[in-house]
C-alpha atoms as a PDB file:
ATOM      1  CA  MET A   1      49.893   9.886 -52.836  1.00  0.00           C
ATOM      2  CA  LYS A   2      48.572   7.427 -55.451  1.00  0.00           C
ATOM      3  CA  ALA A   3      51.900   7.470 -57.191  1.00  0.00           C
ATOM      4  CA  ALA A   4      53.705   6.774 -53.899  1.00  0.00           C
ATOM      5  CA  ARG A   5      51.445   3.841 -53.035  1.00  0.00           C
ATOM      6  CA  SER A   6      51.891   2.355 -56.531  1.00  0.00           C
ATOM      7  CA  SER A   7      55.629   2.667 -56.140  1.00  0.00           C
ATOM      8  CA  VAL A   8      55.574   0.769 -52.806  1.00  0.00           C
ATOM      9  CA  VAL A   9      53.420  -2.046 -54.250  1.00  0.00           C
ATOM     10  CA  SER A  10      55.636  -2.441 -57.273  1.00  0.00           C
ATOM     11  CA  LYS A  11      58.711  -2.703 -55.062  1.00  0.00           C
ATOM     12  CA  LYS A  12      57.207  -5.630 -53.045  1.00  0.00           C
ATOM     13  CA  GLY A  13      56.999  -7.862 -56.113  1.00  0.00           C
ATOM     14  CA  THR A  14      55.929 -11.557 -56.217  1.00  0.00           C
ATOM     15  CA  PRO A  15      57.007 -13.619 -53.110  1.00  0.00           C
ATOM     16  CA  TRP A  16      58.775 -16.324 -55.156  1.00  0.00           C
ATOM     17  CA  GLY A  17      60.702 -17.651 -52.171  1.00  0.00           C
ATOM     18  CA  THR A  18      57.516 -18.423 -50.250  1.00  0.00           C
ATOM     19  CA  ILE A  19      55.845 -19.984 -53.278  1.00  0.00           C
ATOM     20  CA  ILE A  20      58.831 -22.211 -53.974  1.00  0.00           C
ATOM     21  CA  ALA A  21      58.959 -23.316 -50.335  1.00  0.00           C
ATOM     22  CA  VAL A  22      55.240 -24.167 -50.305  1.00  0.00           C
ATOM     23  CA  VAL A  23      55.513 -26.079 -53.581  1.00  0.00           C
ATOM     24  CA  ALA A  24      58.523 -27.998 -52.241  1.00  0.00           C
ATOM     25  CA  ILE A  25      56.602 -28.972 -49.100  1.00  0.00           C
ATOM     26  CA  VAL A  26      53.611 -30.131 -51.142  1.00  0.00           C
ATOM     27  CA  VAL A  27      55.834 -32.174 -53.477  1.00  0.00           C
ATOM     28  CA  LEU A  28      57.666 -33.712 -50.514  1.00  0.00           C
ATOM     29  CA  ALA A  29      54.393 -34.616 -48.790  1.00  0.00           C
ATOM     30  CA  ALA A  30      53.058 -36.170 -51.984  1.00  0.00           C
ATOM     31  CA  SER A  31      56.271 -38.153 -52.391  1.00  0.00           C
ATOM     32  CA  VAL A  32      56.074 -39.455 -48.824  1.00  0.00           C
ATOM     33  CA  VAL A  33      52.437 -40.502 -49.263  1.00  0.00           C
ATOM     34  CA  THR A  34      53.205 -42.161 -52.614  1.00  0.00           C
ATOM     35  CA  TYR A  35      56.198 -44.000 -51.151  1.00  0.00           C
ATOM     36  CA  TYR A  36      54.132 -45.203 -48.203  1.00  0.00           C
ATOM     37  CA  MET A  37      51.315 -46.416 -50.428  1.00  0.00           C
ATOM     38  CA  VAL A  38      53.732 -48.291 -52.692  1.00  0.00           C
ATOM     39  CA  ALA A  39      55.860 -49.691 -49.868  1.00  0.00           C
ATOM     40  CA  SER A  40      52.896 -50.785 -47.772  1.00  0.00           C
ATOM     41  CA  ALA A  41      50.908 -52.268 -50.669  1.00  0.00           C
ATOM     42  CA  PRO A  42      52.291 -55.821 -50.278  1.00  0.00           C
ATOM     43  CA  LYS A  43      51.413 -55.899 -46.573  1.00  0.00           C
ATOM     44  CA  ARG A  44      47.961 -54.439 -47.165  1.00  0.00           C
ATOM     45  CA  GLU A  45      47.317 -56.957 -49.917  1.00  0.00           C
ATOM     46  CA  GLN A  46      48.519 -59.763 -47.654  1.00  0.00           C
ATOM     47  CA  LYS A  47      46.145 -58.622 -44.931  1.00  0.00           C
ATOM     48  CA  THR A  48      43.311 -58.932 -47.421  1.00  0.00           C
ATOM     49  CA  ARG A  49      44.417 -62.455 -48.324  1.00  0.00           C
ATOM     50  CA  GLU A  50      44.596 -63.440 -44.660  1.00  0.00           C
ATOM     51  CA  GLU A  51      41.124 -62.059 -44.011  1.00  0.00           C
ATOM     52  CA  ALA A  52      39.788 -64.125 -46.915  1.00  0.00           C
ATOM     53  CA  ALA A  53      41.511 -67.238 -45.525  1.00  0.00           C
ATOM     54  CA  ALA A  54      40.133 -66.730 -42.017  1.00  0.00           C
ATOM     55  CA  ALA A  55      37.312 -69.141 -42.879  1.00  0.00           C
ATOM     56  CA  PHE A  56      39.924 -71.898 -42.607  1.00  0.00           C
ATOM     57  CA  ALA A  57      40.830 -71.160 -38.988  1.00  0.00           C
ATOM     58  CA  PRO A  58      40.537 -74.349 -36.879  1.00  0.00           C
ATOM     59  CA  SER A  59      37.857 -74.832 -34.241  1.00  0.00           C
ATOM     60  CA  GLN A  60      36.505 -77.612 -32.060  1.00  0.00           C
ATOM     61  CA  GLN A  61      33.836 -78.244 -34.682  1.00  0.00           C
ATOM     62  CA  ASP A  62      36.398 -78.149 -37.512  1.00  0.00           C
ATOM     63  CA  PRO A  63      39.760 -79.176 -35.999  1.00  0.00           C
ATOM     64  CA  ASP A  64      41.553 -79.706 -39.323  1.00  0.00           C
ATOM     65  CA  PRO A  65      40.204 -77.299 -41.959  1.00  0.00           C
ATOM     66  CA  SER A  66      43.006 -78.342 -44.337  1.00  0.00           C
ATOM     67  CA  LYS A  67      40.763 -81.293 -45.246  1.00  0.00           C
ATOM     68  CA  ARG A  68      38.712 -78.754 -47.185  1.00  0.00           C
ATOM     69  CA  ILE A  69      41.727 -77.545 -49.179  1.00  0.00           C
ATOM     70  CA  PRO A  70      42.116 -79.358 -52.517  1.00  0.00           C
ATOM     71  CA  GLY A  71      45.511 -80.989 -52.993  1.00  0.00           C
ATOM     72  CA  VAL A  72      46.574 -81.387 -49.366  1.00  0.00           C
ATOM     73  CA  THR A  73      48.416 -84.646 -48.663  1.00  0.00           C
ATOM     74  CA  THR A  74      48.511 -86.073 -45.140  1.00  0.00           C
ATOM     75  CA  ALA A  75      50.541 -88.707 -43.296  1.00  0.00           C
ATOM     76  CA  THR A  76      50.913 -89.816 -39.675  1.00  0.00           C
ATOM     77  CA  TYR A  77      54.301 -89.540 -37.948  1.00  0.00           C
ATOM     78  CA  GLU A  78      55.578 -90.195 -34.455  1.00  0.00           C
ATOM     79  CA  GLY A  79      56.971 -87.124 -32.720  1.00  0.00           C
ATOM     80  CA  SER A  80      60.076 -86.573 -30.575  1.00  0.00           C
ATOM     81  CA  VAL A  81      62.332 -89.013 -32.449  1.00  0.00           C
ATOM     82  CA  HIS A  82      65.751 -87.374 -32.639  1.00  0.00           C
ATOM     83  CA  VAL A  83      69.023 -87.778 -34.500  1.00  0.00           C
ATOM     84  CA  THR A  84      72.319 -85.938 -34.075  1.00  0.00           C
ATOM     85  CA  ALA A  85      73.737 -83.195 -36.293  1.00  0.00           C
ATOM     86  CA  ALA A  86      75.976 -85.782 -37.977  1.00  0.00           C
ATOM     87  CA  GLU A  87      73.120 -88.127 -38.921  1.00  0.00           C
ATOM     88  CA  ARG A  88      70.726 -88.105 -41.866  1.00  0.00           C
ATOM     89  CA  VAL A  89      67.189 -89.409 -42.225  1.00  0.00           C
ATOM     90  CA  ALA A  90      65.912 -91.278 -45.282  1.00  0.00           C
ATOM     91  CA  TYR A  91      62.692 -89.279 -45.535  1.00  0.00           C
ATOM     92  CA  ASP A  92      59.699 -90.727 -47.341  1.00  0.00           C
ATOM     93  CA  LYS A  93      58.538 -87.363 -48.740  1.00  0.00           C
ATOM     94  CA  THR A  94      60.201 -84.473 -50.561  1.00  0.00           C
ATOM     95  CA  PRO A  95      60.319 -82.041 -48.867  1.00  0.00           C
ATOM     96  CA  PRO A  96      59.744 -84.013 -45.659  1.00  0.00           C
ATOM     97  CA  PHE A  97      56.893 -83.063 -43.353  1.00  0.00           C
ATOM     98  CA  GLY A  98      57.348 -85.419 -40.438  1.00  0.00           C
ATOM     99  CA  GLY A  99      59.408 -88.241 -39.021  1.00  0.00           C
ATOM    100  CA  PRO A 100      62.758 -88.443 -37.198  1.00  0.00           C
ATOM    101  CA  HIS A 101      64.615 -85.145 -37.086  1.00  0.00           C
ATOM    102  CA  ASP A 102      67.544 -83.291 -35.565  1.00  0.00           C
ATOM    103  CA  GLN A 103      67.369 -82.606 -31.860  1.00  0.00           C
ATOM    104  CA  ALA A 104      67.877 -78.882 -32.639  1.00  0.00           C
ATOM    105  CA  TRP A 105      65.465 -76.928 -34.819  1.00  0.00           C
ATOM    106  CA  ALA A 106      65.967 -74.162 -37.338  1.00  0.00           C
ATOM    107  CA  ALA A 107      64.547 -70.795 -36.315  1.00  0.00           C
ATOM    108  CA  CYS A 108      61.017 -70.562 -37.677  1.00  0.00           C
ATOM    109  CA  ASN A 109      59.582 -67.282 -36.372  1.00  0.00           C
ATOM    110  CA  GLY A 110      59.155 -65.321 -39.592  1.00  0.00           C
ATOM    111  CA  VAL A 111      62.559 -66.348 -40.976  1.00  0.00           C
ATOM    112  CA  VAL A 112      63.290 -66.303 -44.703  1.00  0.00           C
ATOM    113  CA  TYR A 113      66.428 -68.342 -45.360  1.00  0.00           C
ATOM    114  CA  GLU A 114      68.361 -67.304 -48.452  1.00  0.00           C
ATOM    115  CA  LYS A 115      70.069 -70.703 -48.700  1.00  0.00           C
ATOM    116  CA  ALA A 116      68.601 -74.183 -48.576  1.00  0.00           C
ATOM    117  CA  VAL A 117      68.512 -75.609 -45.048  1.00  0.00           C
ATOM    118  CA  ARG A 118      69.111 -79.129 -43.734  1.00  0.00           C
ATOM    119  CA  ASN A 119      65.904 -81.180 -43.775  1.00  0.00           C
ATOM    120  CA  GLU A 120      66.427 -82.596 -40.294  1.00  0.00           C
ATOM    121  CA  ASN A 121      66.502 -79.103 -38.737  1.00  0.00           C
ATOM    122  CA  MET A 122      63.457 -77.902 -40.663  1.00  0.00           C
ATOM    123  CA  VAL A 123      61.269 -80.889 -39.764  1.00  0.00           C
ATOM    124  CA  HIS A 124      61.793 -80.197 -36.066  1.00  0.00           C
ATOM    125  CA  GLY A 125      60.224 -76.766 -36.523  1.00  0.00           C
ATOM    126  CA  LEU A 126      57.143 -78.402 -38.027  1.00  0.00           C
ATOM    127  CA  GLU A 127      56.850 -80.484 -34.864  1.00  0.00           C
ATOM    128  CA  HIS A 128      56.533 -77.183 -32.973  1.00  0.00           C
ATOM    129  CA  GLY A 129      53.606 -76.018 -35.093  1.00  0.00           C
ATOM    130  CA  ALA A 130      55.385 -74.104 -37.856  1.00  0.00           C
ATOM    131  CA  VAL A 131      54.469 -73.903 -41.527  1.00  0.00           C
ATOM    132  CA  TRP A 132      57.419 -74.206 -43.905  1.00  0.00           C
ATOM    133  CA  ILE A 133      57.202 -72.701 -47.387  1.00  0.00           C
ATOM    134  CA  ALA A 134      59.746 -74.323 -49.698  1.00  0.00           C
ATOM    135  CA  TYR A 135      60.247 -73.171 -53.279  1.00  0.00           C
ATOM    136  CA  ASN A 136      62.220 -74.203 -56.334  1.00  0.00           C
ATOM    137  CA  PRO A 137      64.761 -71.386 -56.884  1.00  0.00           C
ATOM    138  CA  ALA A 138      64.922 -72.227 -60.596  1.00  0.00           C
ATOM    139  CA  GLN A 139      61.192 -71.526 -60.946  1.00  0.00           C
ATOM    140  CA  ILE A 140      60.357 -68.887 -58.321  1.00  0.00           C
ATOM    141  CA  SER A 141      61.980 -65.442 -58.388  1.00  0.00           C
ATOM    142  CA  GLY A 142      61.167 -61.743 -58.632  1.00  0.00           C
ATOM    143  CA  GLU A 143      57.560 -60.811 -57.839  1.00  0.00           C
ATOM    144  CA  ALA A 144      56.597 -64.416 -57.125  1.00  0.00           C
ATOM    145  CA  LEU A 145      59.385 -64.711 -54.555  1.00  0.00           C
ATOM    146  CA  ASP A 146      58.333 -61.425 -52.928  1.00  0.00           C
ATOM    147  CA  LEU A 147      54.763 -62.675 -52.771  1.00  0.00           C
ATOM    148  CA  LEU A 148      55.912 -65.701 -50.783  1.00  0.00           C
ATOM    149  CA  LYS A 149      58.170 -63.648 -48.519  1.00  0.00           C
ATOM    150  CA  VAL A 150      55.326 -61.361 -47.433  1.00  0.00           C
ATOM    151  CA  ARG A 151      53.542 -64.451 -46.085  1.00  0.00           C
ATOM    152  CA  VAL A 152      56.530 -65.245 -43.865  1.00  0.00           C
ATOM    153  CA  GLU A 153      58.547 -62.208 -42.829  1.00  0.00           C
ATOM    154  CA  GLY A 154      57.708 -61.246 -39.261  1.00  0.00           C
ATOM    155  CA  LYS A 155      55.071 -63.968 -38.987  1.00  0.00           C
ATOM    156  CA  PRO A 156      55.312 -66.279 -35.960  1.00  0.00           C
ATOM    157  CA  TYR A 157      55.736 -70.005 -36.601  1.00  0.00           C
ATOM    158  CA  THR A 158      56.388 -69.481 -40.304  1.00  0.00           C
ATOM    159  CA  VAL A 159      59.595 -70.185 -42.221  1.00  0.00           C
ATOM    160  CA  MET A 160      60.708 -70.179 -45.835  1.00  0.00           C
ATOM    161  CA  SER A 161      63.681 -71.530 -47.761  1.00  0.00           C
ATOM    162  CA  PRO A 162      64.732 -72.544 -51.270  1.00  0.00           C
ATOM    163  CA  TYR A 163      64.604 -76.256 -52.042  1.00  0.00           C
ATOM    164  CA  PRO A 164      66.752 -77.194 -55.058  1.00  0.00           C
ATOM    165  CA  ASN A 165      65.208 -79.530 -57.635  1.00  0.00           C
ATOM    166  CA  LEU A 166      61.783 -79.395 -56.014  1.00  0.00           C
ATOM    167  CA  ASP A 167      59.278 -81.145 -58.301  1.00  0.00           C
ATOM    168  CA  LYS A 168      56.841 -78.221 -58.084  1.00  0.00           C
ATOM    169  CA  PRO A 169      57.490 -74.475 -57.906  1.00  0.00           C
ATOM    170  CA  ILE A 170      56.116 -74.280 -54.327  1.00  0.00           C
ATOM    171  CA  SER A 171      55.582 -76.770 -51.522  1.00  0.00           C
ATOM    172  CA  LEU A 172      53.982 -76.023 -48.140  1.00  0.00           C
ATOM    173  CA  GLN A 173      54.633 -78.244 -45.119  1.00  0.00           C
ATOM    174  CA  SER A 174      53.222 -78.507 -41.631  1.00  0.00           C
ATOM    175  CA  TRP A 175      53.560 -81.586 -39.438  1.00  0.00           C
ATOM    176  CA  GLY A 176      51.786 -84.409 -41.269  1.00  0.00           C
ATOM    177  CA  HIS A 177      50.506 -82.133 -44.059  1.00  0.00           C
ATOM    178  CA  GLN A 178      51.800 -81.010 -47.441  1.00  0.00           C
ATOM    179  CA  LEU A 179      50.472 -78.944 -50.338  1.00  0.00           C
ATOM    180  CA  LYS A 180      52.313 -78.509 -53.646  1.00  0.00           C
ATOM    181  CA  LEU A 181      51.431 -75.589 -55.912  1.00  0.00           C
ATOM    182  CA  ASP A 182      52.388 -73.913 -59.163  1.00  0.00           C
ATOM    183  CA  SER A 183      51.751 -70.244 -58.362  1.00  0.00           C
ATOM    184  CA  ALA A 184      52.536 -67.801 -55.562  1.00  0.00           C
ATOM    185  CA  THR A 185      49.132 -66.186 -56.163  1.00  0.00           C
ATOM    186  CA  ASP A 186      47.260 -69.370 -55.231  1.00  0.00           C
ATOM    187  CA  GLU A 187      44.802 -68.615 -52.402  1.00  0.00           C
ATOM    188  CA  ARG A 188      45.415 -72.075 -50.949  1.00  0.00           C
ATOM    189  CA  ILE A 189      48.746 -70.845 -49.546  1.00  0.00           C
ATOM    190  CA  ASP A 190      46.946 -68.590 -47.074  1.00  0.00           C
ATOM    191  CA  GLN A 191      44.268 -71.208 -46.408  1.00  0.00           C
ATOM    192  CA  PHE A 192      46.934 -73.796 -45.536  1.00  0.00           C
ATOM    193  CA  ILE A 193      48.648 -71.379 -43.133  1.00  0.00           C
ATOM    194  CA  ALA A 194      45.359 -70.381 -41.491  1.00  0.00           C
ATOM    195  CA  ALA A 195      44.355 -74.023 -41.033  1.00  0.00           C
ATOM    196  CA  LEU A 196      47.594 -75.519 -39.749  1.00  0.00           C
ATOM    197  CA  ARG A 197      50.004 -72.984 -38.248  1.00  0.00           C
ATOM    198  CA  THR A 198      49.967 -73.677 -34.469  1.00  0.00           C
ATOM    199  CA  ASN A 199      46.674 -75.493 -34.908  1.00  0.00           C
ATOM    200  CA  PRO A 200      45.731 -76.307 -31.274  1.00  0.00           C
ATOM    201  CA  TYR A 201      43.611 -79.369 -32.069  1.00  0.00           C
ATOM    202  CA  GLY A 202      46.278 -82.045 -32.374  1.00  0.00           C
ATOM    203  CA  ALA A 203      47.684 -81.164 -35.784  1.00  0.00           C
ATOM    204  CA  TYR A 204      51.276 -81.226 -34.450  1.00  0.00           C
ATOM    205  CA  PRO A 205      52.939 -83.038 -31.522  1.00  0.00           C
ATOM    206  CA  GLU A 206      54.446 -80.289 -29.357  1.00  0.00           C
ATOM    207  CA  ARG A 207      51.975 -77.582 -28.488  1.00  0.00           C
ATOM    208  CA  ASP A 208      53.462 -74.388 -27.011  1.00  0.00           C
ATOM    209  CA  ALA A 209      57.033 -75.321 -27.983  1.00  0.00           C
ATOM    210  CA  THR A 210      59.143 -72.386 -29.117  1.00  0.00           C
ATOM    211  CA  CYS A 211      60.059 -71.553 -32.703  1.00  0.00           C
ATOM    212  CA  ASP A 212      63.004 -69.417 -31.638  1.00  0.00           C
ATOM    213  CA  ALA A 213      66.361 -71.141 -31.978  1.00  0.00           C
ATOM    214  CA  GLN A 214      69.916 -70.811 -30.680  1.00  0.00           C
ATOM    215  CA  ILE A 215      71.643 -72.695 -33.488  1.00  0.00           C
ATOM    216  CA  GLU A 216      72.554 -72.101 -37.090  1.00  0.00           C
ATOM    217  CA  PRO A 217      70.948 -74.938 -39.057  1.00  0.00           C
ATOM    218  CA  GLY A 218      73.008 -77.193 -41.263  1.00  0.00           C
ATOM    219  CA  ASP A 219      73.246 -76.840 -45.021  1.00  0.00           C
ATOM    220  CA  PHE A 220      70.925 -78.701 -47.331  1.00  0.00           C
ATOM    221  CA  ASP A 221      72.424 -81.950 -48.688  1.00  0.00           C
ATOM    222  CA  PRO A 222      71.161 -82.643 -52.231  1.00  0.00           C
ATOM    223  CA  THR A 223      72.699 -86.124 -52.427  1.00  0.00           C
ATOM    224  CA  PRO A 224      70.533 -89.195 -51.757  1.00  0.00           C
ATOM    225  CA  PRO A 225      70.794 -90.504 -48.186  1.00  0.00           C
ATOM    226  CA  GLY A 226      73.381 -93.277 -47.855  1.00  0.00           C
ATOM    227  CA  PRO A 227      72.928 -96.737 -46.347  1.00  0.00           C
ATOM    228  CA  ASP A 228      73.668 -95.359 -42.891  1.00  0.00           C
ATOM    229  CA  ALA A 229      70.712 -92.923 -43.024  1.00  0.00           C
ATOM    230  CA  LYS A 230      68.074 -93.460 -40.373  1.00  0.00           C
ATOM    231  CA  PRO A 231      64.808 -95.019 -41.607  1.00  0.00           C
ATOM    232  CA  MET A 232      61.383 -93.504 -41.029  1.00  0.00           C
ATOM    233  CA  ASP A 233      60.645 -96.064 -38.310  1.00  0.00           C
ATOM    234  CA  TYR A 234      63.828 -95.145 -36.418  1.00  0.00           C
ATOM    235  CA  LYS A 235      63.336 -94.834 -32.655  1.00  0.00           C
ATOM    236  CA  GLY A 236      65.912 -92.153 -31.936  1.00  0.00           C
ATOM    237  CA  THR A 237      69.626 -91.843 -31.200  1.00  0.00           C
ATOM    238  CA  ALA A 238      70.721 -92.507 -27.622  1.00  0.00           C
ATOM    239  CA  GLY A 239      71.841 -89.404 -25.761  1.00  0.00           C
ATOM    240  CA  THR A 240      69.991 -86.870 -27.904  1.00  0.00           C
ATOM    241  CA  GLN A 241      68.131 -84.041 -26.208  1.00  0.00           C
ATOM    242  CA  GLN A 242      64.516 -84.941 -25.479  1.00  0.00           C
ATOM    243  CA  ASP A 243      61.743 -82.460 -26.174  1.00  0.00           C
ATOM    244  CA  GLN A 244      59.555 -81.150 -23.399  1.00  0.00           C
ATOM    245  CA  PRO A 245      56.068 -80.472 -24.783  1.00  0.00           C
ATOM    246  CA  GLY A 246      54.422 -77.451 -23.239  1.00  0.00           C
ATOM    247  CA  ALA A 247      57.743 -75.803 -22.469  1.00  0.00           C
ATOM    248  CA  GLY A 248      56.530 -72.525 -23.959  1.00  0.00           C
ATOM    249  CA  GLN A 249      58.598 -69.769 -25.507  1.00  0.00           C
ATOM    250  CA  SER A 250      61.281 -69.965 -22.831  1.00  0.00           C
ATOM    251  CA  GLY A 251      61.716 -73.696 -23.111  1.00  0.00           C
ATOM    252  CA  VAL A 252      64.623 -73.808 -25.553  1.00  0.00           C
ATOM    253  CA  PRO A 253      66.638 -76.985 -24.963  1.00  0.00           C
ATOM    254  CA  SER A 254      70.354 -76.735 -24.417  1.00  0.00           C
ATOM    255  CA  VAL A 255      72.455 -76.951 -27.550  1.00  0.00           C
ATOM    256  CA  PRO A 256      74.557 -80.110 -27.745  1.00  0.00           C
ATOM    257  CA  ALA A 257      78.284 -79.913 -28.324  1.00  0.00           C
ATOM    258  CA  THR A 258      77.894 -81.454 -31.786  1.00  0.00           C
ATOM    259  CA  GLN A 259      75.634 -78.601 -32.938  1.00  0.00           C
ATOM    260  CA  PRO A 260      77.158 -75.154 -33.664  1.00  0.00           C
ATOM    261  CA  SER A 261      75.764 -72.381 -31.496  1.00  0.00           C
ATOM    262  CA  ALA A 262      74.991 -69.203 -33.438  1.00  0.00           C
ATOM    263  CA  PRO A 263      72.050 -67.075 -34.529  1.00  0.00           C
ATOM    264  CA  ALA A 264      70.049 -68.584 -37.371  1.00  0.00           C
ATOM    265  CA  SER A 265      71.258 -67.470 -40.775  1.00  0.00           C
ATOM    266  CA  LYS A 266      68.899 -65.885 -43.231  1.00  0.00           C
END
């Protein structure tokens, strides 16, 4: 009997198939967890940065917290002054952060443009409460570029684009405000966004205007504006579409015949 039982046990052998399957499942699970941790790290790190910058959120007692951010430049501009798609504006700042602008705006709801975008379309988005991150493509790339993108992608009222020959690696714009920086790790980027993006206390002219768009913005023009460019005190081109403050997310103005109608390029 003992000999028979020993014979049966020896015939069963080691269950290598089961062991291999279990090991494969464990390795797969570990790989999935590792991939998730690596892939989600930028977003988790950005959440931490945003939490740290929450102290710069505007309030009735502190309507413009950007005044507490070193390096912020401000200027006062009149809103709702429009030009056509064929006209240029001789902006007083580079990149511009206010003044006359195209009657149609570039999409600015978490859009990262791969190519430089026409100033006149970008400024209109600032009028709607957006923050525009511009960067010098000759100075910002790789990890630094990714660090800027995570601040923008999927974020409402935020937009990003390259800006050739920018005098600093990074420049942040909201209506009437600008901050130029050297590093994508600078905490002031998140402070600026927290303080000024859709700030409801008069930091931009058109509260509740949409940042969605139905046009493809024009290309960036690196040449200096010619003598026919509109000055900063321009009062607007006759026949251009007028903004309707308070229109809300559904209040997208009709696209004029002079402006191509297409989804915003990225």
